[in-house]
Amino acid sequence: NKTLYVADSSNDRIQMFRSGDWNGITVAGKGKNETISLFWPTDVMMDGNGHFFIVDSGNDRIIGSDAIGFRCIVGCSGREGSAAHQFYLLQPMNFDSRGNLYVVDRFNGRIQK
């Protein structure tokens, strides 16, 4: 639908820009009541069902959304670490053709699936 979603890291939020609009609308994070708190989000994607996936780098976690709202889906301790369920400075993410999510776990020197 030609809508652009931007991870606005410095402002701890996700912005939505509709085609032709100059001003963004906050859809998650600071400035949007009743959503999840974000700290330095660095990536945002939307799946075919309209669900968000957000790399919340400052909190070392991945956020997902569904019909109920936003929730942490992995890295939910809110602390960096090297265990399989932890991250340390998340970077970009992507999905493969089977729907698996991959994320760059920079300071742990690995890619997590």
PDB file of N, CA and C in Angstrom:
ATOM      1  N   ASN A   1       0.809  -1.200   0.000  1.00  0.00           N
ATOM      2  CA  ASN A   1       0.000   0.000   0.000  1.00  0.00           C
ATOM      3  C   ASN A   1       0.855   1.269   0.000  1.00  0.00           C
ATOM      4  N   LYS A   2       2.142   1.120  -0.296  1.00  0.00           N
ATOM      5  CA  LYS A   2       3.092   2.239  -0.388  1.00  0.00           C
ATOM      6  C   LYS A   2       3.231   3.016   0.914  1.00  0.00           C
ATOM      7  N   THR A   3       3.156   2.317   2.037  1.00  0.00           N
ATOM      8  CA  THR A   3       3.372   2.915   3.346  1.00  0.00           C
ATOM      9  C   THR A   3       4.779   2.577   3.797  1.00  0.00           C
ATOM     10  N   LEU A   4       5.498   3.574   4.301  1.00  0.00           N
ATOM     11  CA  LEU A   4       6.868   3.406   4.760  1.00  0.00           C
ATOM     12  C   LEU A   4       6.892   3.436   6.282  1.00  0.00           C
ATOM     13  N   TYR A   5       7.574   2.461   6.897  1.00  0.00           N
ATOM     14  CA  TYR A   5       7.752   2.421   8.345  1.00  0.00           C
ATOM     15  C   TYR A   5       9.223   2.660   8.644  1.00  0.00           C
ATOM     16  N   VAL A   6       9.494   3.542   9.596  1.00  0.00           N
ATOM     17  CA  VAL A   6      10.854   3.955   9.906  1.00  0.00           C
ATOM     18  C   VAL A   6      11.143   3.735  11.379  1.00  0.00           C
ATOM     19  N   ALA A   7      12.277   3.094  11.675  1.00  0.00           N
ATOM     20  CA  ALA A   7      12.758   2.983  13.052  1.00  0.00           C
ATOM     21  C   ALA A   7      13.478   4.289  13.371  1.00  0.00           C
ATOM     22  N   ASP A   8      12.845   5.143  14.141  1.00  0.00           N
ATOM     23  CA  ASP A   8      13.369   6.451  14.527  1.00  0.00           C
ATOM     24  C   ASP A   8      14.151   6.266  15.826  1.00  0.00           C
ATOM     25  N   SER A   9      15.406   5.823  15.692  1.00  0.00           N
ATOM     26  CA  SER A   9      16.218   5.418  16.833  1.00  0.00           C
ATOM     27  C   SER A   9      16.367   6.505  17.889  1.00  0.00           C
ATOM     28  N   SER A  10      16.746   7.690  17.474  1.00  0.00           N
ATOM     29  CA  SER A  10      17.012   8.767  18.429  1.00  0.00           C
ATOM     30  C   SER A  10      15.782   9.181  19.227  1.00  0.00           C
ATOM     31  N   ASN A  11      14.609   8.955  18.677  1.00  0.00           N
ATOM     32  CA  ASN A  11      13.371   9.317  19.366  1.00  0.00           C
ATOM     33  C   ASN A  11      12.636   8.112  19.953  1.00  0.00           C
ATOM     34  N   ASP A  12      13.250   6.930  19.904  1.00  0.00           N
ATOM     35  CA  ASP A  12      12.701   5.719  20.534  1.00  0.00           C
ATOM     36  C   ASP A  12      11.282   5.401  20.085  1.00  0.00           C
ATOM     37  N   ARG A  13      11.063   5.408  18.759  1.00  0.00           N
ATOM     38  CA  ARG A  13       9.719   5.167  18.242  1.00  0.00           C
ATOM     39  C   ARG A  13       9.779   4.617  16.817  1.00  0.00           C
ATOM     40  N   ILE A  14       8.619   4.117  16.374  1.00  0.00           N
ATOM     41  CA  ILE A  14       8.427   3.679  14.994  1.00  0.00           C
ATOM     42  C   ILE A  14       7.452   4.647  14.355  1.00  0.00           C
ATOM     43  N   GLN A  15       7.833   5.187  13.206  1.00  0.00           N
ATOM     44  CA  GLN A  15       7.012   6.148  12.488  1.00  0.00           C
ATOM     45  C   GLN A  15       6.447   5.530  11.215  1.00  0.00           C
ATOM     46  N   MET A  16       5.239   5.914  10.864  1.00  0.00           N
ATOM     47  CA  MET A  16       4.591   5.473   9.635  1.00  0.00           C
ATOM     48  C   MET A  16       4.400   6.693   8.734  1.00  0.00           C
ATOM     49  N   PHE A  17       4.801   6.555   7.474  1.00  0.00           N
ATOM     50  CA  PHE A  17       4.604   7.599   6.477  1.00  0.00           C
ATOM     51  C   PHE A  17       3.781   7.008   5.336  1.00  0.00           C
ATOM     52  N   ARG A  18       2.600   7.547   5.134  1.00  0.00           N
ATOM     53  CA  ARG A  18       1.763   7.119   4.019  1.00  0.00           C
ATOM     54  C   ARG A  18       2.241   7.813   2.752  1.00  0.00           C
ATOM     55  N   SER A  19       1.989   7.195   1.624  1.00  0.00           N
ATOM     56  CA  SER A  19       2.401   7.742   0.337  1.00  0.00           C
ATOM     57  C   SER A  19       1.915   9.186   0.186  1.00  0.00           C
ATOM     58  N   GLY A  20       2.853  10.086  -0.100  1.00  0.00           N
ATOM     59  CA  GLY A  20       2.519  11.491  -0.298  1.00  0.00           C
ATOM     60  C   GLY A  20       2.528  12.340   0.957  1.00  0.00           C
ATOM     61  N   ASP A  21       2.606  11.713   2.144  1.00  0.00           N
ATOM     62  CA  ASP A  21       2.619  12.469   3.398  1.00  0.00           C
ATOM     63  C   ASP A  21       4.033  12.904   3.755  1.00  0.00           C
ATOM     64  N   TRP A  22       4.162  14.108   4.298  1.00  0.00           N
ATOM     65  CA  TRP A  22       5.445  14.620   4.766  1.00  0.00           C
ATOM     66  C   TRP A  22       5.643  14.365   6.251  1.00  0.00           C
ATOM     67  N   ASN A  23       4.556  14.242   6.983  1.00  0.00           N
ATOM     68  CA  ASN A  23       4.627  14.042   8.422  1.00  0.00           C
ATOM     69  C   ASN A  23       4.317  12.598   8.779  1.00  0.00           C
ATOM     70  N   GLY A  24       5.133  12.041   9.673  1.00  0.00           N
ATOM     71  CA  GLY A  24       4.928  10.674  10.109  1.00  0.00           C
ATOM     72  C   GLY A  24       3.942  10.576  11.259  1.00  0.00           C
ATOM     73  N   ILE A  25       3.418   9.378  11.438  1.00  0.00           N
ATOM     74  CA  ILE A  25       2.512   9.063  12.538  1.00  0.00           C
ATOM     75  C   ILE A  25       3.210   8.010  13.398  1.00  0.00           C
ATOM     76  N   THR A  26       3.285   8.245  14.694  1.00  0.00           N
ATOM     77  CA  THR A  26       3.916   7.284  15.601  1.00  0.00           C
ATOM     78  C   THR A  26       2.998   6.084  15.784  1.00  0.00           C
ATOM     79  N   VAL A  27       3.528   4.879  15.504  1.00  0.00           N
ATOM     80  CA  VAL A  27       2.733   3.664  15.668  1.00  0.00           C
ATOM     81  C   VAL A  27       3.205   2.812  16.847  1.00  0.00           C
ATOM     82  N   ALA A  28       4.420   3.067  17.344  1.00  0.00           N
ATOM     83  CA  ALA A  28       4.928   2.340  18.509  1.00  0.00           C
ATOM     84  C   ALA A  28       6.029   3.154  19.167  1.00  0.00           C
ATOM     85  N   GLY A  29       6.134   3.020  20.480  1.00  0.00           N
ATOM     86  CA  GLY A  29       7.190   3.695  21.224  1.00  0.00           C
ATOM     87  C   GLY A  29       6.782   5.040  21.769  1.00  0.00           C
ATOM     88  N   LYS A  30       7.793   5.864  22.037  1.00  0.00           N
ATOM     89  CA  LYS A  30       7.589   7.162  22.678  1.00  0.00           C
ATOM     90  C   LYS A  30       6.629   8.040  21.874  1.00  0.00           C
ATOM     91  N   GLY A  31       5.637   8.556  22.549  1.00  0.00           N
ATOM     92  CA  GLY A  31       4.665   9.431  21.912  1.00  0.00           C
ATOM     93  C   GLY A  31       3.388   8.729  21.497  1.00  0.00           C
ATOM     94  N   LYS A  32       3.347   7.423  21.628  1.00  0.00           N
ATOM     95  CA  LYS A  32       2.146   6.659  21.280  1.00  0.00           C
ATOM     96  C   LYS A  32       1.695   5.917  22.528  1.00  0.00           C
ATOM     97  N   ASN A  33       0.608   6.375  23.119  1.00  0.00           N
ATOM     98  CA  ASN A  33       0.079   5.728  24.320  1.00  0.00           C
ATOM     99  C   ASN A  33      -0.350   4.302  24.012  1.00  0.00           C
ATOM    100  N   GLU A  34      -0.299   3.477  25.032  1.00  0.00           N
ATOM    101  CA  GLU A  34      -0.770   2.094  24.966  1.00  0.00           C
ATOM    102  C   GLU A  34       0.005   1.219  23.978  1.00  0.00           C
ATOM    103  N   THR A  35       1.275   1.561  23.730  1.00  0.00           N
ATOM    104  CA  THR A  35       2.142   0.660  22.977  1.00  0.00           C
ATOM    105  C   THR A  35       3.317   0.298  23.865  1.00  0.00           C
ATOM    106  N   ILE A  36       4.236  -0.439  23.319  1.00  0.00           N
ATOM    107  CA  ILE A  36       5.399  -0.882  24.075  1.00  0.00           C
ATOM    108  C   ILE A  36       6.473   0.209  24.097  1.00  0.00           C
ATOM    109  N   SER A  37       7.210   0.291  25.200  1.00  0.00           N
ATOM    110  CA  SER A  37       8.312   1.238  25.319  1.00  0.00           C
ATOM    111  C   SER A  37       9.514   0.713  24.542  1.00  0.00           C
ATOM    112  N   LEU A  38      10.127   1.565  23.740  1.00  0.00           N
ATOM    113  CA  LEU A  38      11.285   1.184  22.941  1.00  0.00           C
ATOM    114  C   LEU A  38      12.496   2.013  23.354  1.00  0.00           C
ATOM    115  N   PHE A  39      13.684   1.426  23.191  1.00  0.00           N
ATOM    116  CA  PHE A  39      14.937   2.131  23.444  1.00  0.00           C
ATOM    117  C   PHE A  39      15.889   1.850  22.293  1.00  0.00           C
ATOM    118  N   TRP A  40      16.072   2.843  21.444  1.00  0.00           N
ATOM    119  CA  TRP A  40      16.953   2.802  20.287  1.00  0.00           C
ATOM    120  C   TRP A  40      16.567   1.692  19.296  1.00  0.00           C
ATOM    121  N   PRO A  41      15.336   1.734  18.764  1.00  0.00           N
ATOM    122  CA  PRO A  41      14.961   0.745  17.738  1.00  0.00           C
ATOM    123  C   PRO A  41      15.767   0.984  16.461  1.00  0.00           C
ATOM    124  N   THR A  42      16.256  -0.087  15.848  1.00  0.00           N
ATOM    125  CA  THR A  42      17.114   0.057  14.668  1.00  0.00           C
ATOM    126  C   THR A  42      16.545  -0.575  13.407  1.00  0.00           C
ATOM    127  N   ASP A  43      15.467  -1.324  13.509  1.00  0.00           N
ATOM    128  CA  ASP A  43      14.894  -1.947  12.323  1.00  0.00           C
ATOM    129  C   ASP A  43      13.421  -2.258  12.585  1.00  0.00           C
ATOM    130  N   VAL A  44      12.627  -2.188  11.535  1.00  0.00           N
ATOM    131  CA  VAL A  44      11.213  -2.529  11.630  1.00  0.00           C
ATOM    132  C   VAL A  44      10.801  -3.195  10.327  1.00  0.00           C
ATOM    133  N   MET A  45      10.018  -4.257  10.436  1.00  0.00           N
ATOM    134  CA  MET A  45       9.480  -4.959   9.278  1.00  0.00           C
ATOM    135  C   MET A  45       8.026  -5.301   9.556  1.00  0.00           C
ATOM    136  N   MET A  46       7.283  -5.522   8.487  1.00  0.00           N
ATOM    137  CA  MET A  46       5.902  -5.949   8.617  1.00  0.00           C
ATOM    138  C   MET A  46       5.738  -7.215   7.787  1.00  0.00           C
ATOM    139  N   ASP A  47       5.087  -8.228   8.353  1.00  0.00           N
ATOM    140  CA  ASP A  47       4.864  -9.455   7.594  1.00  0.00           C
ATOM    141  C   ASP A  47       3.610  -9.328   6.733  1.00  0.00           C
ATOM    142  N   GLY A  48       3.302 -10.372   5.996  1.00  0.00           N
ATOM    143  CA  GLY A  48       2.156 -10.367   5.093  1.00  0.00           C
ATOM    144  C   GLY A  48       0.814 -10.242   5.787  1.00  0.00           C
ATOM    145  N   ASN A  49       0.785 -10.498   7.092  1.00  0.00           N
ATOM    146  CA  ASN A  49      -0.455 -10.378   7.865  1.00  0.00           C
ATOM    147  C   ASN A  49      -0.602  -9.021   8.541  1.00  0.00           C
ATOM    148  N   GLY A  50       0.347  -8.126   8.300  1.00  0.00           N
ATOM    149  CA  GLY A  50       0.278  -6.803   8.909  1.00  0.00           C
ATOM    150  C   GLY A  50       0.816  -6.741  10.323  1.00  0.00           C
ATOM    151  N   HIS A  51       1.594  -7.742  10.741  1.00  0.00           N
ATOM    152  CA  HIS A  51       2.186  -7.758  12.078  1.00  0.00           C
ATOM    153  C   HIS A  51       3.581  -7.152  12.028  1.00  0.00           C
ATOM    154  N   PHE A  52       3.906  -6.329  13.026  1.00  0.00           N
ATOM    155  CA  PHE A  52       5.217  -5.691  13.109  1.00  0.00           C
ATOM    156  C   PHE A  52       6.238  -6.589  13.783  1.00  0.00           C
ATOM    157  N   PHE A  53       7.488  -6.410  13.372  1.00  0.00           N
ATOM    158  CA  PHE A  53       8.643  -6.987  14.039  1.00  0.00           C
ATOM    159  C   PHE A  53       9.649  -5.854  14.166  1.00  0.00           C
ATOM    160  N   ILE A  54      10.083  -5.593  15.401  1.00  0.00           N
ATOM    161  CA  ILE A  54      10.932  -4.440  15.684  1.00  0.00           C
ATOM    162  C   ILE A  54      12.201  -4.907  16.386  1.00  0.00           C
ATOM    163  N   VAL A  55      13.361  -4.462  15.885  1.00  0.00           N
ATOM    164  CA  VAL A  55      14.626  -4.666  16.587  1.00  0.00           C
ATOM    165  C   VAL A  55      14.744  -3.527  17.596  1.00  0.00           C
ATOM    166  N   ASP A  56      14.582  -3.846  18.863  1.00  0.00           N
ATOM    167  CA  ASP A  56      14.675  -2.883  19.963  1.00  0.00           C
ATOM    168  C   ASP A  56      16.089  -2.989  20.539  1.00  0.00           C
ATOM    169  N   SER A  57      17.049  -2.383  19.834  1.00  0.00           N
ATOM    170  CA  SER A  57      18.474  -2.583  20.128  1.00  0.00           C
ATOM    171  C   SER A  57      18.868  -2.208  21.541  1.00  0.00           C
ATOM    172  N   GLY A  58      18.397  -1.086  22.039  1.00  0.00           N
ATOM    173  CA  GLY A  58      18.783  -0.636  23.370  1.00  0.00           C
ATOM    174  C   GLY A  58      18.317  -1.550  24.485  1.00  0.00           C
ATOM    175  N   ASN A  59      17.267  -2.317  24.221  1.00  0.00           N
ATOM    176  CA  ASN A  59      16.768  -3.291  25.197  1.00  0.00           C
ATOM    177  C   ASN A  59      17.153  -4.717  24.840  1.00  0.00           C
ATOM    178  N   ASP A  60      17.963  -4.888  23.771  1.00  0.00           N
ATOM    179  CA  ASP A  60      18.455  -6.209  23.360  1.00  0.00           C
ATOM    180  C   ASP A  60      17.332  -7.229  23.204  1.00  0.00           C
ATOM    181  N   ARG A  61      16.292  -6.845  22.440  1.00  0.00           N
ATOM    182  CA  ARG A  61      15.152  -7.737  22.261  1.00  0.00           C
ATOM    183  C   ARG A  61      14.480  -7.505  20.910  1.00  0.00           C
ATOM    184  N   ILE A  62      13.631  -8.460  20.531  1.00  0.00           N
ATOM    185  CA  ILE A  62      12.802  -8.365  19.339  1.00  0.00           C
ATOM    186  C   ILE A  62      11.356  -8.237  19.800  1.00  0.00           C
ATOM    187  N   ILE A  63      10.668  -7.242  19.266  1.00  0.00           N
ATOM    188  CA  ILE A  63       9.276  -6.985  19.592  1.00  0.00           C
ATOM    189  C   ILE A  63       8.415  -7.455  18.421  1.00  0.00           C
ATOM    190  N   GLY A  64       7.284  -8.047  18.716  1.00  0.00           N
ATOM    191  CA  GLY A  64       6.324  -8.437  17.692  1.00  0.00           C
ATOM    192  C   GLY A  64       4.960  -7.855  18.021  1.00  0.00           C
ATOM    193  N   SER A  65       4.090  -7.855  17.034  1.00  0.00           N
ATOM    194  CA  SER A  65       2.724  -7.391  17.283  1.00  0.00           C
ATOM    195  C   SER A  65       1.740  -8.418  16.746  1.00  0.00           C
ATOM    196  N   ASP A  66       0.529  -8.352  17.263  1.00  0.00           N
ATOM    197  CA  ASP A  66      -0.570  -9.171  16.760  1.00  0.00           C
ATOM    198  C   ASP A  66      -1.858  -8.390  17.004  1.00  0.00           C
ATOM    199  N   ALA A  67      -2.983  -9.034  16.928  1.00  0.00           N
ATOM    200  CA  ALA A  67      -4.269  -8.350  17.104  1.00  0.00           C
ATOM    201  C   ALA A  67      -4.420  -7.743  18.500  1.00  0.00           C
ATOM    202  N   ILE A  68      -3.716  -8.291  19.479  1.00  0.00           N
ATOM    203  CA  ILE A  68      -3.818  -7.809  20.859  1.00  0.00           C
ATOM    204  C   ILE A  68      -2.923  -6.598  21.109  1.00  0.00           C
ATOM    205  N   GLY A  69      -1.794  -6.514  20.415  1.00  0.00           N
ATOM    206  CA  GLY A  69      -0.872  -5.398  20.599  1.00  0.00           C
ATOM    207  C   GLY A  69       0.570  -5.839  20.471  1.00  0.00           C
ATOM    208  N   PHE A  70       1.480  -5.083  21.075  1.00  0.00           N
ATOM    209  CA  PHE A  70       2.911  -5.350  21.005  1.00  0.00           C
ATOM    210  C   PHE A  70       3.359  -6.189  22.191  1.00  0.00           C
ATOM    211  N   ARG A  71       4.366  -7.035  21.946  1.00  0.00           N
ATOM    212  CA  ARG A  71       4.927  -7.864  23.014  1.00  0.00           C
ATOM    213  C   ARG A  71       6.346  -8.264  22.653  1.00  0.00           C
ATOM    214  N   CYS A  72       7.126  -8.589  23.639  1.00  0.00           N
ATOM    215  CA  CYS A  72       8.471  -9.105  23.410  1.00  0.00           C
ATOM    216  C   CYS A  72       8.358 -10.552  22.951  1.00  0.00           C
ATOM    217  N   ILE A  73       9.105 -10.911  21.895  1.00  0.00           N
ATOM    218  CA  ILE A  73       9.067 -12.300  21.441  1.00  0.00           C
ATOM    219  C   ILE A  73      10.377 -13.045  21.696  1.00  0.00           C
ATOM    220  N   VAL A  74      11.496 -12.334  21.834  1.00  0.00           N
ATOM    221  CA  VAL A  74      12.760 -12.968  22.219  1.00  0.00           C
ATOM    222  C   VAL A  74      13.693 -11.898  22.791  1.00  0.00           C
ATOM    223  N   GLY A  75      14.519 -12.311  23.762  1.00  0.00           N
ATOM    224  CA  GLY A  75      15.392 -11.369  24.446  1.00  0.00           C
ATOM    225  C   GLY A  75      14.648 -10.571  25.498  1.00  0.00           C
ATOM    226  N   CYS A  76      13.668 -11.174  26.110  1.00  0.00           N
ATOM    227  CA  CYS A  76      12.738 -10.454  26.980  1.00  0.00           C
ATOM    228  C   CYS A  76      13.295 -10.106  28.357  1.00  0.00           C
ATOM    229  N   SER A  77      14.508 -10.517  28.660  1.00  0.00           N
ATOM    230  CA  SER A  77      15.090 -10.174  29.960  1.00  0.00           C
ATOM    231  C   SER A  77      15.453  -8.695  30.029  1.00  0.00           C
ATOM    232  N   GLY A  78      15.610  -8.051  28.863  1.00  0.00           N
ATOM    233  CA  GLY A  78      15.961  -6.638  28.850  1.00  0.00           C
ATOM    234  C   GLY A  78      17.423  -6.378  29.153  1.00  0.00           C
ATOM    235  N   ARG A  79      18.236  -7.440  29.171  1.00  0.00           N
ATOM    236  CA  ARG A  79      19.667  -7.308  29.442  1.00  0.00           C
ATOM    237  C   ARG A  79      20.447  -8.008  28.337  1.00  0.00           C
ATOM    238  N   GLU A  80      21.609  -7.426  27.992  1.00  0.00           N
ATOM    239  CA  GLU A  80      22.447  -8.100  27.008  1.00  0.00           C
ATOM    240  C   GLU A  80      23.033  -9.374  27.601  1.00  0.00           C
ATOM    241  N   GLY A  81      23.387 -10.293  26.701  1.00  0.00           N
ATOM    242  CA  GLY A  81      23.985 -11.543  27.128  1.00  0.00           C
ATOM    243  C   GLY A  81      24.352 -12.390  25.938  1.00  0.00           C
ATOM    244  N   SER A  82      24.953 -13.527  26.195  1.00  0.00           N
ATOM    245  CA  SER A  82      25.410 -14.399  25.114  1.00  0.00           C
ATOM    246  C   SER A  82      24.686 -15.742  25.066  1.00  0.00           C
ATOM    247  N   ALA A  83      23.705 -15.952  25.947  1.00  0.00           N
ATOM    248  CA  ALA A  83      22.920 -17.189  25.896  1.00  0.00           C
ATOM    249  C   ALA A  83      22.073 -17.199  24.623  1.00  0.00           C
ATOM    250  N   ALA A  84      21.539 -18.360  24.264  1.00  0.00           N
ATOM    251  CA  ALA A  84      20.768 -18.501  23.027  1.00  0.00           C
ATOM    252  C   ALA A  84      19.538 -17.601  22.984  1.00  0.00           C
ATOM    253  N   HIS A  85      18.999 -17.240  24.144  1.00  0.00           N
ATOM    254  CA  HIS A  85      17.803 -16.394  24.205  1.00  0.00           C
ATOM    255  C   HIS A  85      18.130 -14.926  24.483  1.00  0.00           C
ATOM    256  N   GLN A  86      19.426 -14.567  24.375  1.00  0.00           N
ATOM    257  CA  GLN A  86      19.863 -13.206  24.650  1.00  0.00           C
ATOM    258  C   GLN A  86      20.610 -12.621  23.455  1.00  0.00           C
ATOM    259  N   PHE A  87      20.707 -11.298  23.427  1.00  0.00           N
ATOM    260  CA  PHE A  87      21.433 -10.590  22.384  1.00  0.00           C
ATOM    261  C   PHE A  87      22.328  -9.539  23.021  1.00  0.00           C
ATOM    262  N   TYR A  88      23.245  -9.015  22.189  1.00  0.00           N
ATOM    263  CA  TYR A  88      24.075  -7.906  22.630  1.00  0.00           C
ATOM    264  C   TYR A  88      24.319  -7.011  21.420  1.00  0.00           C
ATOM    265  N   LEU A  89      23.582  -5.935  21.350  1.00  0.00           N
ATOM    266  CA  LEU A  89      23.561  -4.946  20.274  1.00  0.00           C
ATOM    267  C   LEU A  89      23.042  -5.550  18.970  1.00  0.00           C
ATOM    268  N   LEU A  90      21.744  -5.612  18.894  1.00  0.00           N
ATOM    269  CA  LEU A  90      21.072  -6.120  17.699  1.00  0.00           C
ATOM    270  C   LEU A  90      21.204  -5.157  16.537  1.00  0.00           C
ATOM    271  N   GLN A  91      21.248  -5.713  15.362  1.00  0.00           N
ATOM    272  CA  GLN A  91      21.345  -4.957  14.123  1.00  0.00           C
ATOM    273  C   GLN A  91      20.206  -5.384  13.207  1.00  0.00           C
ATOM    274  N   PRO A  92      20.354  -5.320  11.891  1.00  0.00           N
ATOM    275  CA  PRO A  92      19.236  -5.639  10.990  1.00  0.00           C
ATOM    276  C   PRO A  92      18.702  -7.059  11.146  1.00  0.00           C
ATOM    277  N   MET A  93      17.462  -7.236  10.700  1.00  0.00           N
ATOM    278  CA  MET A  93      16.823  -8.550  10.694  1.00  0.00           C
ATOM    279  C   MET A  93      16.215  -8.779   9.320  1.00  0.00           C
ATOM    280  N   ASN A  94      15.885 -10.040   9.063  1.00  0.00           N
ATOM    281  CA  ASN A  94      15.229 -10.390   7.809  1.00  0.00           C
ATOM    282  C   ASN A  94      14.539 -11.738   7.970  1.00  0.00           C
ATOM    283  N   PHE A  95      13.573 -12.003   7.114  1.00  0.00           N
ATOM    284  CA  PHE A  95      12.882 -13.281   7.063  1.00  0.00           C
ATOM    285  C   PHE A  95      13.353 -14.063   5.853  1.00  0.00           C
ATOM    286  N   ASP A  96      13.381 -15.394   5.973  1.00  0.00           N
ATOM    287  CA  ASP A  96      13.624 -16.211   4.788  1.00  0.00           C
ATOM    288  C   ASP A  96      12.276 -16.617   4.196  1.00  0.00           C
ATOM    289  N   SER A  97      12.305 -17.400   3.118  1.00  0.00           N
ATOM    290  CA  SER A  97      11.068 -17.763   2.415  1.00  0.00           C
ATOM    291  C   SER A  97      10.155 -18.659   3.241  1.00  0.00           C
ATOM    292  N   ARG A  98      10.660 -19.243   4.315  1.00  0.00           N
ATOM    293  CA  ARG A  98       9.845 -20.103   5.186  1.00  0.00           C
ATOM    294  C   ARG A  98       9.316 -19.379   6.411  1.00  0.00           C
ATOM    295  N   GLY A  99       9.616 -18.094   6.515  1.00  0.00           N
ATOM    296  CA  GLY A  99       9.121 -17.318   7.647  1.00  0.00           C
ATOM    297  C   GLY A  99      10.030 -17.307   8.851  1.00  0.00           C
ATOM    298  N   ASN A 100      11.240 -17.876   8.729  1.00  0.00           N
ATOM    299  CA  ASN A 100      12.200 -17.825   9.829  1.00  0.00           C
ATOM    300  C   ASN A 100      12.792 -16.431   9.926  1.00  0.00           C
ATOM    301  N   LEU A 101      12.958 -15.952  11.132  1.00  0.00           N
ATOM    302  CA  LEU A 101      13.507 -14.626  11.385  1.00  0.00           C
ATOM    303  C   LEU A 101      14.992 -14.755  11.708  1.00  0.00           C
ATOM    304  N   TYR A 102      15.816 -13.945  11.040  1.00  0.00           N
ATOM    305  CA  TYR A 102      17.259 -13.905  11.286  1.00  0.00           C
ATOM    306  C   TYR A 102      17.629 -12.501  11.734  1.00  0.00           C
ATOM    307  N   VAL A 103      18.507 -12.403  12.739  1.00  0.00           N
ATOM    308  CA  VAL A 103      18.927 -11.095  13.237  1.00  0.00           C
ATOM    309  C   VAL A 103      20.430 -11.127  13.504  1.00  0.00           C
ATOM    310  N   VAL A 104      21.092 -10.013  13.207  1.00  0.00           N
ATOM    311  CA  VAL A 104      22.519  -9.870  13.463  1.00  0.00           C
ATOM    312  C   VAL A 104      22.714  -9.477  14.923  1.00  0.00           C
ATOM    313  N   ASP A 105      23.402 -10.331  15.667  1.00  0.00           N
ATOM    314  CA  ASP A 105      23.710 -10.133  17.082  1.00  0.00           C
ATOM    315  C   ASP A 105      25.164  -9.658  17.137  1.00  0.00           C
ATOM    316  N   ARG A 106      25.356  -8.369  16.927  1.00  0.00           N
ATOM    317  CA  ARG A 106      26.663  -7.805  16.606  1.00  0.00           C
ATOM    318  C   ARG A 106      27.761  -8.093  17.624  1.00  0.00           C
ATOM    319  N   PHE A 107      27.573  -7.720  18.877  1.00  0.00           N
ATOM    320  CA  PHE A 107      28.658  -7.857  19.848  1.00  0.00           C
ATOM    321  C   PHE A 107      28.902  -9.302  20.279  1.00  0.00           C
ATOM    322  N   ASN A 108      27.969 -10.196  19.981  1.00  0.00           N
ATOM    323  CA  ASN A 108      28.212 -11.626  20.201  1.00  0.00           C
ATOM    324  C   ASN A 108      28.815 -12.281  18.957  1.00  0.00           C
ATOM    325  N   GLY A 109      28.951 -11.524  17.866  1.00  0.00           N
ATOM    326  CA  GLY A 109      29.579 -12.019  16.646  1.00  0.00           C
ATOM    327  C   GLY A 109      28.827 -13.174  16.012  1.00  0.00           C
ATOM    328  N   ARG A 110      27.491 -13.092  15.965  1.00  0.00           N
ATOM    329  CA  ARG A 110      26.707 -14.207  15.420  1.00  0.00           C
ATOM    330  C   ARG A 110      25.439 -13.705  14.759  1.00  0.00           C
ATOM    331  N   ILE A 111      24.856 -14.591  13.994  1.00  0.00           N
ATOM    332  CA  ILE A 111      23.533 -14.354  13.420  1.00  0.00           C
ATOM    333  C   ILE A 111      22.601 -15.344  14.093  1.00  0.00           C
ATOM    334  N   GLN A 112      21.525 -14.845  14.674  1.00  0.00           N
ATOM    335  CA  GLN A 112      20.568 -15.690  15.380  1.00  0.00           C
ATOM    336  C   GLN A 112      19.358 -15.961  14.501  1.00  0.00           C
ATOM    337  N   LYS A 113      18.852 -17.190  14.556  1.00  0.00           N
ATOM    338  CA  LYS A 113      17.645 -17.595  13.835  1.00  0.00           C
ATOM    339  C   LYS A 113      16.525 -17.774  14.837  1.00  0.00           C
TER     340      LYS A 113
END
